PDB file of all heavy atoms in Angstrom:
ATOM      1  N   ASN A   1       0.801  -1.227   0.000  1.00  0.00           N
ATOM      2  CA  ASN A   1       0.000   0.000   0.000  1.00  0.00           C
ATOM      3  C   ASN A   1       0.830   1.271   0.000  1.00  0.00           C
ATOM      4  O   ASN A   1       0.340   2.315  -0.392  1.00  0.00           O
ATOM      5  CB  ASN A   1      -0.940   0.005   1.214  1.00  0.00           C
ATOM      6  CG  ASN A   1      -1.965  -1.105   1.128  1.00  0.00           C
ATOM      7  OD1 ASN A   1      -2.341  -1.548   0.055  1.00  0.00           O
ATOM      8  ND2 ASN A   1      -2.411  -1.587   2.280  1.00  0.00           N
ATOM      9  N   GLU A   2       2.054   1.175   0.468  1.00  0.00           N
ATOM     10  CA  GLU A   2       2.944   2.338   0.478  1.00  0.00           C
ATOM     11  C   GLU A   2       4.069   2.063  -0.511  1.00  0.00           C
ATOM     12  O   GLU A   2       5.072   1.460  -0.164  1.00  0.00           O
ATOM     13  CB  GLU A   2       3.539   2.563   1.870  1.00  0.00           C
ATOM     14  CG  GLU A   2       2.523   2.899   2.931  1.00  0.00           C
ATOM     15  CD  GLU A   2       3.147   3.021   4.311  1.00  0.00           C
ATOM     16  OE1 GLU A   2       4.390   3.184   4.410  1.00  0.00           O
ATOM     17  OE2 GLU A   2       2.397   2.924   5.289  1.00  0.00           O
ATOM     18  N   GLY A   3       3.888   2.473  -1.734  1.00  0.00           N
ATOM     19  CA  GLY A   3       4.855   2.183  -2.780  1.00  0.00           C
ATOM     20  C   GLY A   3       6.270   2.636  -2.474  1.00  0.00           C
ATOM     21  O   GLY A   3       7.237   2.117  -3.032  1.00  0.00           O
ATOM     22  N   SER A   4       6.416   3.584  -1.569  1.00  0.00           N
ATOM     23  CA  SER A   4       7.745   4.096  -1.251  1.00  0.00           C
ATOM     24  C   SER A   4       8.414   3.345  -0.091  1.00  0.00           C
ATOM     25  O   SER A   4       9.596   3.566   0.183  1.00  0.00           O
ATOM     26  CB  SER A   4       7.665   5.582  -0.900  1.00  0.00           C
ATOM     27  OG  SER A   4       6.833   5.755   0.236  1.00  0.00           O
ATOM     28  N   LYS A   5       7.683   2.451   0.570  1.00  0.00           N
ATOM     29  CA  LYS A   5       8.246   1.721   1.716  1.00  0.00           C
ATOM     30  C   LYS A   5       9.326   0.763   1.222  1.00  0.00           C
ATOM     31  O   LYS A   5       9.102  -0.051   0.336  1.00  0.00           O
ATOM     32  CB  LYS A   5       7.161   0.957   2.458  1.00  0.00           C
ATOM     33  CG  LYS A   5       7.682   0.208   3.692  1.00  0.00           C
ATOM     34  CD  LYS A   5       6.546  -0.442   4.447  1.00  0.00           C
ATOM     35  CE  LYS A   5       7.020  -1.287   5.588  1.00  0.00           C
ATOM     36  NZ  LYS A   5       7.317  -0.576   6.806  1.00  0.00           N
ATOM     37  N   GLU A   6      10.512   0.836   1.804  1.00  0.00           N
ATOM     38  CA  GLU A   6      11.611  -0.037   1.415  1.00  0.00           C
ATOM     39  C   GLU A   6      12.134  -0.873   2.566  1.00  0.00           C
ATOM     40  O   GLU A   6      12.828  -1.861   2.342  1.00  0.00           O
ATOM     41  CB  GLU A   6      12.762   0.792   0.836  1.00  0.00           C
ATOM     42  CG  GLU A   6      12.414   1.469  -0.471  1.00  0.00           C
ATOM     43  CD  GLU A   6      13.563   2.263  -1.042  1.00  0.00           C
ATOM     44  OE1 GLU A   6      14.699   2.154  -0.532  1.00  0.00           O
ATOM     45  OE2 GLU A   6      13.330   3.005  -2.005  1.00  0.00           O
ATOM     46  N   ASN A   7      11.821  -0.463   3.799  1.00  0.00           N
ATOM     47  CA  ASN A   7      12.382  -1.144   4.959  1.00  0.00           C
ATOM     48  C   ASN A   7      11.309  -1.448   5.996  1.00  0.00           C
ATOM     49  O   ASN A   7      10.310  -0.745   6.098  1.00  0.00           O
ATOM     50  CB  ASN A   7      13.460  -0.271   5.620  1.00  0.00           C
ATOM     51  CG  ASN A   7      14.616   0.000   4.685  1.00  0.00           C
ATOM     52  OD1 ASN A   7      15.189  -0.919   4.129  1.00  0.00           O
ATOM     53  ND2 ASN A   7      14.930   1.269   4.504  1.00  0.00           N
ATOM     54  N   ILE A   8      11.581  -2.487   6.751  1.00  0.00           N
ATOM     55  CA  ILE A   8      10.729  -2.839   7.876  1.00  0.00           C
ATOM     56  C   ILE A   8      11.154  -1.963   9.050  1.00  0.00           C
ATOM     57  O   ILE A   8      12.353  -1.804   9.311  1.00  0.00           O
ATOM     58  CB  ILE A   8      10.894  -4.329   8.222  1.00  0.00           C
ATOM     59  CG1 ILE A   8      10.495  -5.185   7.015  1.00  0.00           C
ATOM     60  CG2 ILE A   8      10.087  -4.708   9.446  1.00  0.00           C
ATOM     61  CD1 ILE A   8      10.831  -6.635   7.169  1.00  0.00           C
ATOM     62  N   SER A   9      10.189  -1.415   9.744  1.00  0.00           N
ATOM     63  CA  SER A   9      10.515  -0.532  10.873  1.00  0.00           C
ATOM     64  C   SER A   9      11.054  -1.348  12.046  1.00  0.00           C
ATOM     65  O   SER A   9      10.831  -2.555  12.136  1.00  0.00           O
ATOM     66  CB  SER A   9       9.273   0.252  11.308  1.00  0.00           C
ATOM     67  OG  SER A   9       8.353  -0.620  11.942  1.00  0.00           O
ATOM     68  N   ASN A  10      11.737  -0.657  12.939  1.00  0.00           N
ATOM     69  CA  ASN A  10      12.223  -1.315  14.162  1.00  0.00           C
ATOM     70  C   ASN A  10      11.063  -1.883  14.967  1.00  0.00           C
ATOM     71  O   ASN A  10      11.167  -2.971  15.532  1.00  0.00           O
ATOM     72  CB  ASN A  10      13.028  -0.328  15.019  1.00  0.00           C
ATOM     73  CG  ASN A  10      14.375  -0.016  14.406  1.00  0.00           C
ATOM     74  OD1 ASN A  10      14.923  -0.801  13.644  1.00  0.00           O
ATOM     75  ND2 ASN A  10      14.902   1.150  14.743  1.00  0.00           N
ATOM     76  N   GLU A  11       9.952  -1.148  15.008  1.00  0.00           N
ATOM     77  CA  GLU A  11       8.777  -1.614  15.746  1.00  0.00           C
ATOM     78  C   GLU A  11       8.242  -2.911  15.152  1.00  0.00           C
ATOM     79  O   GLU A  11       7.854  -3.826  15.877  1.00  0.00           O
ATOM     80  CB  GLU A  11       7.676  -0.538  15.746  1.00  0.00           C
ATOM     81  CG  GLU A  11       8.020   0.704  16.542  1.00  0.00           C
ATOM     82  CD  GLU A  11       8.944   1.680  15.772  1.00  0.00           C
ATOM     83  OE1 GLU A  11       9.058   1.578  14.527  1.00  0.00           O
ATOM     84  OE2 GLU A  11       9.561   2.516  16.444  1.00  0.00           O
ATOM     85  N   GLU A  12       8.215  -2.990  13.821  1.00  0.00           N
ATOM     86  CA  GLU A  12       7.742  -4.212  13.162  1.00  0.00           C
ATOM     87  C   GLU A  12       8.672  -5.388  13.449  1.00  0.00           C
ATOM     88  O   GLU A  12       8.213  -6.507  13.697  1.00  0.00           O
ATOM     89  CB  GLU A  12       7.616  -3.985  11.651  1.00  0.00           C
ATOM     90  CG  GLU A  12       6.486  -3.039  11.279  1.00  0.00           C
ATOM     91  CD  GLU A  12       6.538  -2.561   9.849  1.00  0.00           C
ATOM     92  OE1 GLU A  12       7.653  -2.409   9.278  1.00  0.00           O
ATOM     93  OE2 GLU A  12       5.463  -2.313   9.275  1.00  0.00           O
ATOM     94  N   MET A  13       9.975  -5.153  13.446  1.00  0.00           N
ATOM     95  CA  MET A  13      10.930  -6.222  13.742  1.00  0.00           C
ATOM     96  C   MET A  13      10.793  -6.683  15.193  1.00  0.00           C
ATOM     97  O   MET A  13      10.883  -7.875  15.478  1.00  0.00           O
ATOM     98  CB  MET A  13      12.368  -5.782  13.459  1.00  0.00           C
ATOM     99  CG  MET A  13      12.715  -5.682  11.977  1.00  0.00           C
ATOM    100  SD  MET A  13      12.432  -7.204  11.024  1.00  0.00           S
ATOM    101  CE  MET A  13      13.540  -8.350  11.817  1.00  0.00           C
ATOM    102  N   ILE A  14      10.557  -5.746  16.100  1.00  0.00           N
ATOM    103  CA  ILE A  14      10.348  -6.105  17.508  1.00  0.00           C
ATOM    104  C   ILE A  14       9.101  -6.964  17.640  1.00  0.00           C
ATOM    105  O   ILE A  14       9.093  -7.976  18.345  1.00  0.00           O
ATOM    106  CB  ILE A  14      10.275  -4.840  18.395  1.00  0.00           C
ATOM    107  CG1 ILE A  14      11.664  -4.196  18.485  1.00  0.00           C
ATOM    108  CG2 ILE A  14       9.707  -5.163  19.776  1.00  0.00           C
ATOM    109  CD1 ILE A  14      11.675  -2.801  19.084  1.00  0.00           C
ATOM    110  N   GLU A  15       8.038  -6.567  16.956  1.00  0.00           N
ATOM    111  CA  GLU A  15       6.788  -7.337  16.998  1.00  0.00           C
ATOM    112  C   GLU A  15       7.000  -8.760  16.464  1.00  0.00           C
ATOM    113  O   GLU A  15       6.557  -9.730  17.074  1.00  0.00           O
ATOM    114  CB  GLU A  15       5.699  -6.618  16.190  1.00  0.00           C
ATOM    115  CG  GLU A  15       4.326  -7.223  16.320  1.00  0.00           C
ATOM    116  CD  GLU A  15       3.741  -7.155  17.725  1.00  0.00           C
ATOM    117  OE1 GLU A  15       4.073  -6.232  18.490  1.00  0.00           O
ATOM    118  OE2 GLU A  15       2.952  -8.050  18.055  1.00  0.00           O
ATOM    119  N   LEU A  16       7.701  -8.891  15.344  1.00  0.00           N
ATOM    120  CA  LEU A  16       7.997 -10.217  14.796  1.00  0.00           C
ATOM    121  C   LEU A  16       8.890 -11.012  15.749  1.00  0.00           C
ATOM    122  O   LEU A  16       8.724 -12.223  15.897  1.00  0.00           O
ATOM    123  CB  LEU A  16       8.675 -10.100  13.428  1.00  0.00           C
ATOM    124  CG  LEU A  16       7.797  -9.638  12.277  1.00  0.00           C
ATOM    125  CD1 LEU A  16       8.643  -9.381  11.040  1.00  0.00           C
ATOM    126  CD2 LEU A  16       6.702 -10.650  11.981  1.00  0.00           C
ATOM    127  N   GLY A  17       9.819 -10.337  16.382  1.00  0.00           N
ATOM    128  CA  GLY A  17      10.753 -11.002  17.287  1.00  0.00           C
ATOM    129  C   GLY A  17      10.109 -11.596  18.519  1.00  0.00           C
ATOM    130  O   GLY A  17      10.700 -12.452  19.179  1.00  0.00           O
ATOM    131  N   LYS A  18       8.884 -11.183  18.815  1.00  0.00           N
ATOM    132  CA  LYS A  18       8.178 -11.725  19.991  1.00  0.00           C
ATOM    133  C   LYS A  18       7.975 -13.228  19.894  1.00  0.00           C
ATOM    134  O   LYS A  18       7.809 -13.892  20.910  1.00  0.00           O
ATOM    135  CB  LYS A  18       6.839 -11.017  20.184  1.00  0.00           C
ATOM    136  CG  LYS A  18       6.982  -9.595  20.668  1.00  0.00           C
ATOM    137  CD  LYS A  18       5.629  -8.931  20.830  1.00  0.00           C
ATOM    138  CE  LYS A  18       5.786  -7.496  21.294  1.00  0.00           C
ATOM    139  NZ  LYS A  18       4.484  -6.801  21.376  1.00  0.00           N
ATOM    140  N   ILE A  19       7.995 -13.768  18.677  1.00  0.00           N
ATOM    141  CA  ILE A  19       7.815 -15.213  18.516  1.00  0.00           C
ATOM    142  C   ILE A  19       8.920 -15.968  19.255  1.00  0.00           C
ATOM    143  O   ILE A  19       8.712 -17.066  19.742  1.00  0.00           O
ATOM    144  CB  ILE A  19       7.743 -15.626  17.025  1.00  0.00           C
ATOM    145  CG1 ILE A  19       7.375 -17.112  16.877  1.00  0.00           C
ATOM    146  CG2 ILE A  19       9.044 -15.370  16.296  1.00  0.00           C
ATOM    147  CD1 ILE A  19       6.012 -17.474  17.343  1.00  0.00           C
ATOM    148  N   SER A  20      10.095 -15.370  19.358  1.00  0.00           N
ATOM    149  CA  SER A  20      11.213 -16.064  19.996  1.00  0.00           C
ATOM    150  C   SER A  20      10.970 -16.309  21.487  1.00  0.00           C
ATOM    151  O   SER A  20      11.580 -17.186  22.083  1.00  0.00           O
ATOM    152  CB  SER A  20      12.513 -15.293  19.801  1.00  0.00           C
ATOM    153  OG  SER A  20      12.488 -14.076  20.520  1.00  0.00           O
ATOM    154  N   ILE A  21      10.057 -15.558  22.072  1.00  0.00           N
ATOM    155  CA  ILE A  21       9.748 -15.708  23.495  1.00  0.00           C
ATOM    156  C   ILE A  21       8.854 -16.924  23.731  1.00  0.00           C
ATOM    157  O   ILE A  21       8.912 -17.561  24.775  1.00  0.00           O
ATOM    158  CB  ILE A  21       9.064 -14.434  24.030  1.00  0.00           C
ATOM    159  CG1 ILE A  21      10.005 -13.240  23.883  1.00  0.00           C
ATOM    160  CG2 ILE A  21       8.595 -14.600  25.462  1.00  0.00           C
ATOM    161  CD1 ILE A  21       9.333 -11.901  24.080  1.00  0.00           C
ATOM    162  N   THR A  22       8.044 -17.261  22.746  1.00  0.00           N
ATOM    163  CA  THR A  22       7.017 -18.280  22.946  1.00  0.00           C
ATOM    164  C   THR A  22       7.297 -19.622  22.290  1.00  0.00           C
ATOM    165  O   THR A  22       6.534 -20.559  22.496  1.00  0.00           O
ATOM    166  CB  THR A  22       5.663 -17.763  22.415  1.00  0.00           C
ATOM    167  OG1 THR A  22       5.806 -17.433  21.032  1.00  0.00           O
ATOM    168  CG2 THR A  22       5.190 -16.563  23.202  1.00  0.00           C
ATOM    169  N   VAL A  23       8.364 -19.727  21.519  1.00  0.00           N
ATOM    170  CA  VAL A  23       8.593 -20.978  20.790  1.00  0.00           C
ATOM    171  C   VAL A  23       8.966 -22.124  21.717  1.00  0.00           C
ATOM    172  O   VAL A  23       9.584 -21.930  22.754  1.00  0.00           O
ATOM    173  CB  VAL A  23       9.692 -20.838  19.698  1.00  0.00           C
ATOM    174  CG1 VAL A  23       9.254 -19.914  18.611  1.00  0.00           C
ATOM    175  CG2 VAL A  23      11.004 -20.424  20.288  1.00  0.00           C
ATOM    176  N   LYS A  24       8.570 -23.314  21.297  1.00  0.00           N
ATOM    177  CA  LYS A  24       8.919 -24.525  22.018  1.00  0.00           C
ATOM    178  C   LYS A  24      10.207 -25.113  21.450  1.00  0.00           C
ATOM    179  O   LYS A  24      10.767 -26.031  22.017  1.00  0.00           O
ATOM    180  CB  LYS A  24       7.802 -25.556  21.873  1.00  0.00           C
ATOM    181  CG  LYS A  24       6.501 -25.139  22.495  1.00  0.00           C
ATOM    182  CD  LYS A  24       5.437 -26.171  22.211  1.00  0.00           C
ATOM    183  CE  LYS A  24       4.087 -25.668  22.677  1.00  0.00           C
ATOM    184  NZ  LYS A  24       3.003 -26.559  22.278  1.00  0.00           N
TER     185      LYS A  24
END
């Protein structure tokens, strides 16, 4: 939706990184 977006934000990476807390 944002044609100019080229990078994932730090906030988005932090949100994705939360999976590491819950993995078995």
